[in-house]
Amino acid sequence: MVTVIAGPVPYTRARLQLRSRYTLSMLGRILQILLGSILLVLPVFAKSAFEGTWTGKVNDLPAVKLTISEDSGKVTGVMTFYFQSRGADGKWRVVEKQDGGGPILVPRIEEKTLTFQVRHHKTHGGSEYGPNKKYAVELTGGGEARMRDIDVPNAGKGLLLTREE
């Protein structure tokens, strides 16, 4: 003899527990997918620690200006050098017409260090280029970094750079 029950089957405690475990499992999977998607997209919006304008001074005057940009993992930038000369009065001055600079070449970020090259004139104000100069900029924290000439390994701590706000 077969008994037919009309209407919906009543939920038993075991069936309710099974259903709630399934629902929680599905919610967990949905959250994992959402978080995974967010983590994949975040690096696109994350700002590089080097991005911005950095300035360095010598003799309390501008000596270097380094502007770094990063777009989709590609680093670009411009380096400006300010030529200084001592006047007849013994005070240092920036010689505006002899500023030099140009795009950074072969930029590479590895942890807290940015390395790059810049074209370098053989003489100040000259048009002939010599070998590229190689630099390393290491983040030291608090909006500061140290820039050093890679070809001069014993040059000390390097020039202090400060991020402009």
N, C-alpha and C. Protein backbone atom coordinates (compact mmCIF):
# COMPACT_ATOMS: atom_id res chain seq x y z
N MET A 1 0.83 -1.16 0.00
CA MET A 1 0.00 0.00 0.00
C MET A 1 0.89 1.25 0.00
N VAL A 2 0.57 2.18 -0.82
CA VAL A 2 1.33 3.42 -0.97
C VAL A 2 0.51 4.56 -0.42
N THR A 3 1.19 5.35 0.41
CA THR A 3 0.50 6.50 0.98
C THR A 3 0.93 7.74 0.20
N VAL A 4 -0.01 8.50 -0.25
CA VAL A 4 0.27 9.72 -0.99
C VAL A 4 -0.07 10.89 -0.09
N ILE A 5 0.88 11.79 0.05
CA ILE A 5 0.65 12.97 0.88
C ILE A 5 0.40 14.14 -0.06
N ALA A 6 -0.68 14.78 0.14
CA ALA A 6 -1.01 15.93 -0.68
C ALA A 6 -0.34 17.17 -0.10
N GLY A 7 0.20 18.00 -0.95
CA GLY A 7 0.81 19.24 -0.48
C GLY A 7 2.31 19.08 -0.29
N PRO A 8 2.96 20.14 0.19
CA PRO A 8 4.41 20.10 0.34
C PRO A 8 4.83 19.15 1.45
N VAL A 9 6.03 18.60 1.27
CA VAL A 9 6.58 17.69 2.27
C VAL A 9 7.08 18.53 3.43
N PRO A 10 6.71 18.22 4.63
CA PRO A 10 7.17 19.01 5.77
C PRO A 10 8.67 18.85 5.95
N TYR A 11 9.34 19.96 6.34
CA TYR A 11 10.78 19.93 6.57
C TYR A 11 11.07 19.29 7.90
N THR A 12 11.98 18.38 7.90
CA THR A 12 12.43 17.78 9.15
C THR A 12 13.63 18.57 9.62
N ARG A 13 14.01 18.38 10.86
CA ARG A 13 15.15 19.09 11.44
C ARG A 13 16.42 18.77 10.64
N ALA A 14 16.65 17.54 10.29
CA ALA A 14 17.83 17.14 9.53
C ALA A 14 17.85 17.79 8.16
N ARG A 15 16.70 17.86 7.54
CA ARG A 15 16.61 18.47 6.21
C ARG A 15 16.87 19.98 6.28
N LEU A 16 16.36 20.63 7.32
CA LEU A 16 16.62 22.06 7.51
C LEU A 16 18.10 22.33 7.74
N GLN A 17 18.75 21.48 8.54
CA GLN A 17 20.18 21.66 8.80
C GLN A 17 20.99 21.47 7.53
N LEU A 18 20.63 20.48 6.74
CA LEU A 18 21.31 20.23 5.48
C LEU A 18 21.14 21.42 4.53
N ARG A 19 19.93 21.96 4.48
CA ARG A 19 19.65 23.10 3.60
C ARG A 19 20.42 24.34 4.05
N SER A 20 20.49 24.61 5.36
CA SER A 20 21.22 25.79 5.83
C SER A 20 22.72 25.64 5.61
N ARG A 21 23.27 24.42 5.74
CA ARG A 21 24.69 24.19 5.44
C ARG A 21 24.97 24.45 3.96
N TYR A 22 24.09 24.01 3.10
CA TYR A 22 24.24 24.22 1.67
C TYR A 22 24.21 25.72 1.36
N THR A 23 23.28 26.45 1.96
CA THR A 23 23.16 27.89 1.74
C THR A 23 24.42 28.61 2.21
N LEU A 24 24.92 28.26 3.39
CA LEU A 24 26.14 28.88 3.90
C LEU A 24 27.33 28.55 3.01
N SER A 25 27.39 27.34 2.52
CA SER A 25 28.47 26.93 1.63
C SER A 25 28.44 27.75 0.35
N MET A 26 27.27 27.96 -0.21
CA MET A 26 27.14 28.75 -1.43
C MET A 26 27.50 30.21 -1.18
N LEU A 27 27.06 30.76 -0.05
CA LEU A 27 27.42 32.14 0.29
C LEU A 27 28.93 32.28 0.44
N GLY A 28 29.55 31.29 1.06
CA GLY A 28 31.01 31.30 1.21
C GLY A 28 31.71 31.32 -0.13
N ARG A 29 31.22 30.51 -1.06
CA ARG A 29 31.82 30.46 -2.39
C ARG A 29 31.63 31.78 -3.13
N ILE A 30 30.46 32.36 -2.99
CA ILE A 30 30.21 33.66 -3.64
C ILE A 30 31.14 34.72 -3.07
N LEU A 31 31.34 34.74 -1.75
CA LEU A 31 32.26 35.71 -1.13
C LEU A 31 33.69 35.48 -1.61
N GLN A 32 34.10 34.24 -1.74
CA GLN A 32 35.44 33.95 -2.23
C GLN A 32 35.64 34.50 -3.64
N ILE A 33 34.64 34.30 -4.48
CA ILE A 33 34.73 34.79 -5.86
C ILE A 33 34.80 36.32 -5.88
N LEU A 34 33.96 36.97 -5.07
CA LEU A 34 33.97 38.44 -5.02
C LEU A 34 35.30 38.97 -4.51
N LEU A 35 35.80 38.40 -3.42
CA LEU A 35 37.08 38.86 -2.87
C LEU A 35 38.22 38.61 -3.85
N GLY A 36 38.20 37.47 -4.50
CA GLY A 36 39.22 37.17 -5.50
C GLY A 36 39.20 38.17 -6.63
N SER A 37 38.02 38.54 -7.08
CA SER A 37 37.89 39.53 -8.15
C SER A 37 38.42 40.88 -7.72
N ILE A 38 38.12 41.27 -6.50
CA ILE A 38 38.60 42.55 -5.97
C ILE A 38 40.12 42.55 -5.89
N LEU A 39 40.70 41.46 -5.41
CA LEU A 39 42.15 41.38 -5.28
C LEU A 39 42.85 41.41 -6.64
N LEU A 40 42.20 40.89 -7.67
CA LEU A 40 42.78 40.95 -9.00
C LEU A 40 42.75 42.37 -9.56
N VAL A 41 41.74 43.14 -9.21
CA VAL A 41 41.58 44.48 -9.74
C VAL A 41 42.38 45.52 -8.95
N LEU A 42 42.62 45.29 -7.67
CA LEU A 42 43.30 46.27 -6.82
C LEU A 42 44.65 46.73 -7.36
N PRO A 43 45.53 45.84 -7.84
CA PRO A 43 46.82 46.33 -8.33
C PRO A 43 46.71 47.35 -9.44
N VAL A 44 45.65 47.31 -10.22
CA VAL A 44 45.46 48.29 -11.29
C VAL A 44 45.27 49.69 -10.70
N PHE A 45 44.59 49.77 -9.54
CA PHE A 45 44.31 51.06 -8.93
C PHE A 45 45.34 51.46 -7.88
N ALA A 46 46.20 50.54 -7.47
CA ALA A 46 47.18 50.84 -6.44
C ALA A 46 48.22 51.82 -6.98
N LYS A 47 48.55 52.79 -6.19
CA LYS A 47 49.53 53.79 -6.57
C LYS A 47 50.92 53.31 -6.16
N SER A 48 51.86 53.43 -7.06
CA SER A 48 53.23 53.05 -6.76
C SER A 48 53.78 53.93 -5.66
N ALA A 49 54.61 53.35 -4.82
CA ALA A 49 55.23 54.11 -3.73
C ALA A 49 56.18 55.19 -4.28
N PHE A 50 56.62 55.03 -5.53
CA PHE A 50 57.53 56.00 -6.13
C PHE A 50 56.81 57.10 -6.90
N GLU A 51 55.55 56.88 -7.20
CA GLU A 51 54.82 57.82 -8.05
C GLU A 51 54.73 59.19 -7.38
N GLY A 52 55.01 60.22 -8.17
CA GLY A 52 54.95 61.59 -7.66
C GLY A 52 56.19 62.36 -8.07
N THR A 53 56.35 63.53 -7.46
CA THR A 53 57.49 64.39 -7.74
C THR A 53 58.39 64.44 -6.52
N TRP A 54 59.66 64.17 -6.75
CA TRP A 54 60.67 64.14 -5.71
C TRP A 54 61.70 65.23 -5.98
N THR A 55 62.12 65.95 -4.94
CA THR A 55 63.11 67.00 -5.12
C THR A 55 64.27 66.79 -4.16
N GLY A 56 65.45 67.19 -4.61
CA GLY A 56 66.65 67.11 -3.78
C GLY A 56 67.36 68.45 -3.82
N LYS A 57 67.96 68.81 -2.71
CA LYS A 57 68.66 70.11 -2.62
C LYS A 57 70.13 69.90 -2.28
N VAL A 58 70.95 70.82 -2.81
CA VAL A 58 72.36 70.94 -2.48
C VAL A 58 72.59 72.42 -2.27
N ASN A 59 73.33 72.79 -1.23
CA ASN A 59 73.58 74.20 -0.90
C ASN A 59 72.27 74.95 -0.65
N ASP A 60 71.26 74.27 -0.13
CA ASP A 60 69.94 74.84 0.12
C ASP A 60 69.27 75.36 -1.15
N LEU A 61 69.68 74.83 -2.29
CA LEU A 61 69.09 75.20 -3.59
C LEU A 61 68.65 73.92 -4.31
N PRO A 62 67.69 74.05 -5.24
CA PRO A 62 67.28 72.87 -5.99
C PRO A 62 68.47 72.26 -6.73
N ALA A 63 68.59 70.93 -6.66
CA ALA A 63 69.66 70.24 -7.37
C ALA A 63 69.06 69.22 -8.34
N VAL A 64 67.96 68.57 -7.92
CA VAL A 64 67.36 67.50 -8.71
C VAL A 64 65.85 67.55 -8.55
N LYS A 65 65.15 67.25 -9.64
CA LYS A 65 63.70 67.06 -9.59
C LYS A 65 63.40 65.80 -10.40
N LEU A 66 62.76 64.84 -9.75
CA LEU A 66 62.44 63.57 -10.37
C LEU A 66 60.94 63.36 -10.31
N THR A 67 60.32 63.24 -11.47
CA THR A 67 58.87 63.02 -11.54
C THR A 67 58.63 61.62 -12.09
N ILE A 68 57.94 60.80 -11.29
CA ILE A 68 57.70 59.40 -11.65
C ILE A 68 56.20 59.16 -11.82
N SER A 69 55.85 58.43 -12.87
CA SER A 69 54.47 58.00 -13.12
C SER A 69 54.48 56.50 -13.35
N GLU A 70 53.36 55.87 -13.03
CA GLU A 70 53.23 54.44 -13.30
C GLU A 70 51.82 54.20 -13.79
N ASP A 71 51.73 53.54 -14.94
CA ASP A 71 50.43 53.25 -15.52
C ASP A 71 50.42 51.79 -15.95
N SER A 72 49.55 51.00 -15.35
CA SER A 72 49.43 49.57 -15.66
C SER A 72 50.77 48.86 -15.54
N GLY A 73 51.54 49.22 -14.52
CA GLY A 73 52.82 48.55 -14.28
C GLY A 73 53.99 49.12 -15.05
N LYS A 74 53.75 50.07 -15.97
CA LYS A 74 54.83 50.67 -16.74
C LYS A 74 55.28 51.97 -16.07
N VAL A 75 56.56 52.02 -15.72
CA VAL A 75 57.12 53.18 -15.03
C VAL A 75 57.73 54.12 -16.06
N THR A 76 57.40 55.41 -15.93
CA THR A 76 58.00 56.45 -16.76
C THR A 76 58.38 57.61 -15.85
N GLY A 77 59.19 58.49 -16.36
CA GLY A 77 59.55 59.63 -15.54
C GLY A 77 60.46 60.60 -16.25
N VAL A 78 60.67 61.73 -15.58
CA VAL A 78 61.54 62.79 -16.09
C VAL A 78 62.45 63.23 -14.95
N MET A 79 63.73 63.38 -15.28
CA MET A 79 64.71 63.83 -14.31
C MET A 79 65.24 65.19 -14.76
N THR A 80 65.27 66.15 -13.85
CA THR A 80 65.80 67.48 -14.15
C THR A 80 66.95 67.76 -13.18
N PHE A 81 68.08 68.17 -13.71
CA PHE A 81 69.23 68.56 -12.91
C PHE A 81 69.34 70.07 -12.95
N TYR A 82 69.61 70.69 -11.81
CA TYR A 82 69.78 72.14 -11.74
C TYR A 82 71.27 72.43 -11.55
N PHE A 83 71.87 73.09 -12.54
CA PHE A 83 73.28 73.42 -12.47
C PHE A 83 73.47 74.60 -11.52
N GLN A 84 74.44 74.46 -10.60
CA GLN A 84 74.70 75.51 -9.62
C GLN A 84 76.09 76.10 -9.86
N SER A 85 76.19 77.38 -9.60
CA SER A 85 77.45 78.08 -9.73
C SER A 85 77.60 79.06 -8.57
N ARG A 86 78.82 79.25 -8.13
CA ARG A 86 79.08 80.19 -7.03
C ARG A 86 79.37 81.57 -7.63
N GLY A 87 78.66 82.56 -7.13
CA GLY A 87 78.85 83.92 -7.61
C GLY A 87 80.09 84.57 -7.01
N ALA A 88 80.40 85.78 -7.49
CA ALA A 88 81.56 86.53 -7.00
C ALA A 88 81.44 86.81 -5.52
N ASP A 89 80.19 86.87 -5.00
CA ASP A 89 79.98 87.13 -3.58
C ASP A 89 80.12 85.86 -2.72
N GLY A 90 80.42 84.72 -3.38
CA GLY A 90 80.60 83.46 -2.65
C GLY A 90 79.31 82.68 -2.44
N LYS A 91 78.17 83.22 -2.87
CA LYS A 91 76.90 82.52 -2.68
C LYS A 91 76.59 81.64 -3.89
N TRP A 92 75.98 80.50 -3.61
CA TRP A 92 75.58 79.58 -4.67
C TRP A 92 74.28 80.05 -5.31
N ARG A 93 74.19 79.83 -6.64
CA ARG A 93 72.99 80.17 -7.39
C ARG A 93 72.70 79.06 -8.40
N VAL A 94 71.44 78.92 -8.74
CA VAL A 94 71.05 78.00 -9.80
C VAL A 94 71.20 78.75 -11.12
N VAL A 95 71.96 78.18 -12.06
CA VAL A 95 72.14 78.77 -13.37
C VAL A 95 71.02 78.24 -14.25
N GLU A 96 69.96 79.01 -14.39
CA GLU A 96 68.71 78.58 -15.03
C GLU A 96 68.90 78.06 -16.45
N LYS A 97 69.72 78.73 -17.24
CA LYS A 97 69.82 78.36 -18.65
C LYS A 97 70.63 77.08 -18.86
N GLN A 98 71.25 76.57 -17.82
CA GLN A 98 72.04 75.35 -17.99
C GLN A 98 71.41 74.16 -17.29
N ASP A 99 70.12 74.26 -16.99
CA ASP A 99 69.44 73.09 -16.42
C ASP A 99 69.46 71.98 -17.45
N GLY A 100 69.58 70.77 -16.98
CA GLY A 100 69.59 69.64 -17.89
C GLY A 100 68.61 68.59 -17.42
N GLY A 101 68.32 67.68 -18.27
CA GLY A 101 67.44 66.59 -17.88
C GLY A 101 66.77 65.97 -19.07
N GLY A 102 65.93 65.02 -18.75
CA GLY A 102 65.20 64.33 -19.79
C GLY A 102 64.51 63.12 -19.21
N PRO A 103 64.00 62.28 -20.09
CA PRO A 103 63.26 61.10 -19.62
C PRO A 103 64.18 60.09 -18.95
N ILE A 104 63.63 59.37 -17.98
CA ILE A 104 64.40 58.29 -17.39
C ILE A 104 64.32 57.09 -18.34
N LEU A 105 65.40 56.34 -18.39
CA LEU A 105 65.50 55.20 -19.29
C LEU A 105 65.66 53.92 -18.48
N VAL A 106 65.18 52.83 -18.98
CA VAL A 106 65.30 51.50 -18.37
C VAL A 106 64.88 51.51 -16.89
N PRO A 107 63.73 52.08 -16.56
CA PRO A 107 63.32 52.09 -15.15
C PRO A 107 62.93 50.70 -14.67
N ARG A 108 63.27 50.42 -13.42
CA ARG A 108 62.95 49.11 -12.84
C ARG A 108 62.74 49.27 -11.34
N ILE A 109 61.61 48.76 -10.86
CA ILE A 109 61.32 48.80 -9.43
C ILE A 109 61.49 47.41 -8.86
N GLU A 110 62.29 47.33 -7.81
CA GLU A 110 62.49 46.08 -7.10
C GLU A 110 62.37 46.39 -5.61
N GLU A 111 61.26 45.97 -5.02
CA GLU A 111 60.94 46.22 -3.61
C GLU A 111 60.97 47.73 -3.34
N LYS A 112 61.94 48.22 -2.55
CA LYS A 112 61.98 49.63 -2.17
C LYS A 112 62.97 50.44 -3.01
N THR A 113 63.43 49.89 -4.13
CA THR A 113 64.45 50.57 -4.92
C THR A 113 64.01 50.71 -6.38
N LEU A 114 64.16 51.92 -6.90
CA LEU A 114 63.93 52.23 -8.30
C LEU A 114 65.29 52.49 -8.93
N THR A 115 65.61 51.77 -9.99
CA THR A 115 66.85 52.04 -10.73
C THR A 115 66.46 52.54 -12.12
N PHE A 116 67.31 53.40 -12.66
CA PHE A 116 67.05 53.95 -13.99
C PHE A 116 68.33 54.58 -14.52
N GLN A 117 68.28 54.99 -15.78
CA GLN A 117 69.40 55.69 -16.41
C GLN A 117 68.88 57.00 -17.00
N VAL A 118 69.79 57.94 -17.17
CA VAL A 118 69.47 59.18 -17.88
C VAL A 118 70.62 59.49 -18.83
N ARG A 119 70.28 60.15 -19.94
CA ARG A 119 71.33 60.59 -20.86
C ARG A 119 72.14 61.68 -20.17
N HIS A 120 73.42 61.70 -20.48
CA HIS A 120 74.30 62.63 -19.78
C HIS A 120 75.21 63.34 -20.78
N HIS A 121 75.20 64.68 -20.73
CA HIS A 121 76.07 65.47 -21.60
C HIS A 121 77.51 65.34 -21.12
N LYS A 122 78.44 65.35 -22.07
CA LYS A 122 79.86 65.28 -21.72
C LYS A 122 80.31 66.53 -20.96
N THR A 123 79.74 67.69 -21.33
CA THR A 123 80.06 68.94 -20.65
C THR A 123 78.77 69.70 -20.38
N HIS A 124 78.78 70.52 -19.33
CA HIS A 124 77.59 71.33 -19.02
C HIS A 124 77.33 72.31 -20.15
N GLY A 125 76.11 72.30 -20.65
CA GLY A 125 75.72 73.19 -21.73
C GLY A 125 76.10 72.67 -23.10
N GLY A 126 76.82 71.54 -23.17
CA GLY A 126 77.24 70.98 -24.45
C GLY A 126 76.12 70.16 -25.09
N SER A 127 76.33 69.82 -26.36
CA SER A 127 75.31 69.04 -27.05
C SER A 127 75.71 67.58 -27.21
N GLU A 128 76.97 67.26 -26.96
CA GLU A 128 77.46 65.88 -27.14
C GLU A 128 77.19 65.06 -25.87
N TYR A 129 76.65 63.85 -26.11
CA TYR A 129 76.34 62.96 -24.98
C TYR A 129 77.46 61.97 -24.74
N GLY A 130 77.65 61.66 -23.47
CA GLY A 130 78.56 60.60 -23.07
C GLY A 130 77.73 59.38 -22.68
N PRO A 131 78.33 58.46 -21.94
CA PRO A 131 77.58 57.28 -21.50
C PRO A 131 76.44 57.70 -20.55
N ASN A 132 75.37 56.91 -20.56
CA ASN A 132 74.25 57.18 -19.66
C ASN A 132 74.72 57.10 -18.21
N LYS A 133 74.10 57.92 -17.36
CA LYS A 133 74.34 57.85 -15.91
C LYS A 133 73.29 56.92 -15.32
N LYS A 134 73.71 56.10 -14.36
CA LYS A 134 72.82 55.14 -13.72
C LYS A 134 72.58 55.55 -12.28
N TYR A 135 71.31 55.55 -11.90
CA TYR A 135 70.93 55.97 -10.55
C TYR A 135 70.05 54.93 -9.87
N ALA A 136 70.08 54.96 -8.56
CA ALA A 136 69.18 54.13 -7.74
C ALA A 136 68.53 55.05 -6.73
N VAL A 137 67.22 54.92 -6.57
CA VAL A 137 66.47 55.68 -5.57
C VAL A 137 65.86 54.66 -4.62
N GLU A 138 66.23 54.78 -3.35
CA GLU A 138 65.73 53.85 -2.34
C GLU A 138 64.82 54.58 -1.37
N LEU A 139 63.61 54.06 -1.20
CA LEU A 139 62.66 54.66 -0.26
C LEU A 139 63.16 54.46 1.16
N THR A 140 63.11 55.52 1.95
CA THR A 140 63.54 55.42 3.35
C THR A 140 62.38 55.61 4.31
N GLY A 141 61.22 56.04 3.80
CA GLY A 141 60.03 56.20 4.63
C GLY A 141 59.70 57.66 4.87
N GLY A 142 58.46 57.91 5.26
CA GLY A 142 58.03 59.26 5.59
C GLY A 142 58.14 60.25 4.45
N GLY A 143 57.91 59.80 3.20
CA GLY A 143 57.98 60.71 2.07
C GLY A 143 59.40 61.09 1.69
N GLU A 144 60.37 60.26 2.11
CA GLU A 144 61.77 60.54 1.79
C GLU A 144 62.41 59.33 1.10
N ALA A 145 63.45 59.63 0.33
CA ALA A 145 64.21 58.60 -0.36
C ALA A 145 65.64 59.09 -0.49
N ARG A 146 66.53 58.17 -0.84
CA ARG A 146 67.93 58.52 -1.09
C ARG A 146 68.29 58.14 -2.51
N MET A 147 68.88 59.07 -3.25
CA MET A 147 69.29 58.82 -4.63
C MET A 147 70.81 58.77 -4.67
N ARG A 148 71.32 57.73 -5.32
CA ARG A 148 72.77 57.62 -5.45
C ARG A 148 73.15 57.23 -6.86
N ASP A 149 74.34 57.61 -7.23
CA ASP A 149 74.92 57.27 -8.53
C ASP A 149 75.46 55.85 -8.41
N ILE A 150 74.93 54.93 -9.21
CA ILE A 150 75.32 53.53 -9.13
C ILE A 150 76.79 53.34 -9.48
N ASP A 151 77.32 54.19 -10.36
CA ASP A 151 78.71 54.05 -10.79
C ASP A 151 79.72 54.54 -9.75
N VAL A 152 79.23 55.14 -8.66
CA VAL A 152 80.10 55.60 -7.58
C VAL A 152 79.67 54.89 -6.30
N PRO A 153 80.14 53.65 -6.10
CA PRO A 153 79.63 52.83 -5.00
C PRO A 153 79.96 53.36 -3.60
N ASN A 154 81.03 54.12 -3.45
CA ASN A 154 81.42 54.60 -2.12
C ASN A 154 81.07 56.07 -1.90
N ALA A 155 79.98 56.51 -2.49
CA ALA A 155 79.61 57.93 -2.43
C ALA A 155 78.79 58.28 -1.19
N GLY A 156 78.67 57.39 -0.25
CA GLY A 156 77.91 57.68 0.97
C GLY A 156 76.44 57.32 0.82
N LYS A 157 75.61 58.00 1.63
CA LYS A 157 74.18 57.69 1.68
C LYS A 157 73.41 58.14 0.45
N GLY A 158 73.96 59.09 -0.28
CA GLY A 158 73.26 59.61 -1.44
C GLY A 158 72.51 60.89 -1.12
N LEU A 159 71.92 61.48 -2.12
CA LEU A 159 71.19 62.74 -2.00
C LEU A 159 69.80 62.47 -1.43
N LEU A 160 69.43 63.23 -0.43
CA LEU A 160 68.09 63.11 0.16
C LEU A 160 67.06 63.70 -0.79
N LEU A 161 66.04 62.89 -1.12
CA LEU A 161 64.92 63.36 -1.93
C LEU A 161 63.69 63.42 -1.06
N THR A 162 62.86 64.43 -1.26
CA THR A 162 61.62 64.60 -0.52
C THR A 162 60.47 64.64 -1.50
N ARG A 163 59.41 63.90 -1.19
CA ARG A 163 58.25 63.89 -2.06
C ARG A 163 57.49 65.19 -1.89
N GLU A 164 57.14 65.84 -3.01
CA GLU A 164 56.34 67.05 -2.97
C GLU A 164 54.88 66.67 -2.74
N GLU A 165 54.20 67.44 -1.98
CA GLU A 165 52.77 67.17 -1.71
C GLU A 165 51.90 67.92 -2.67
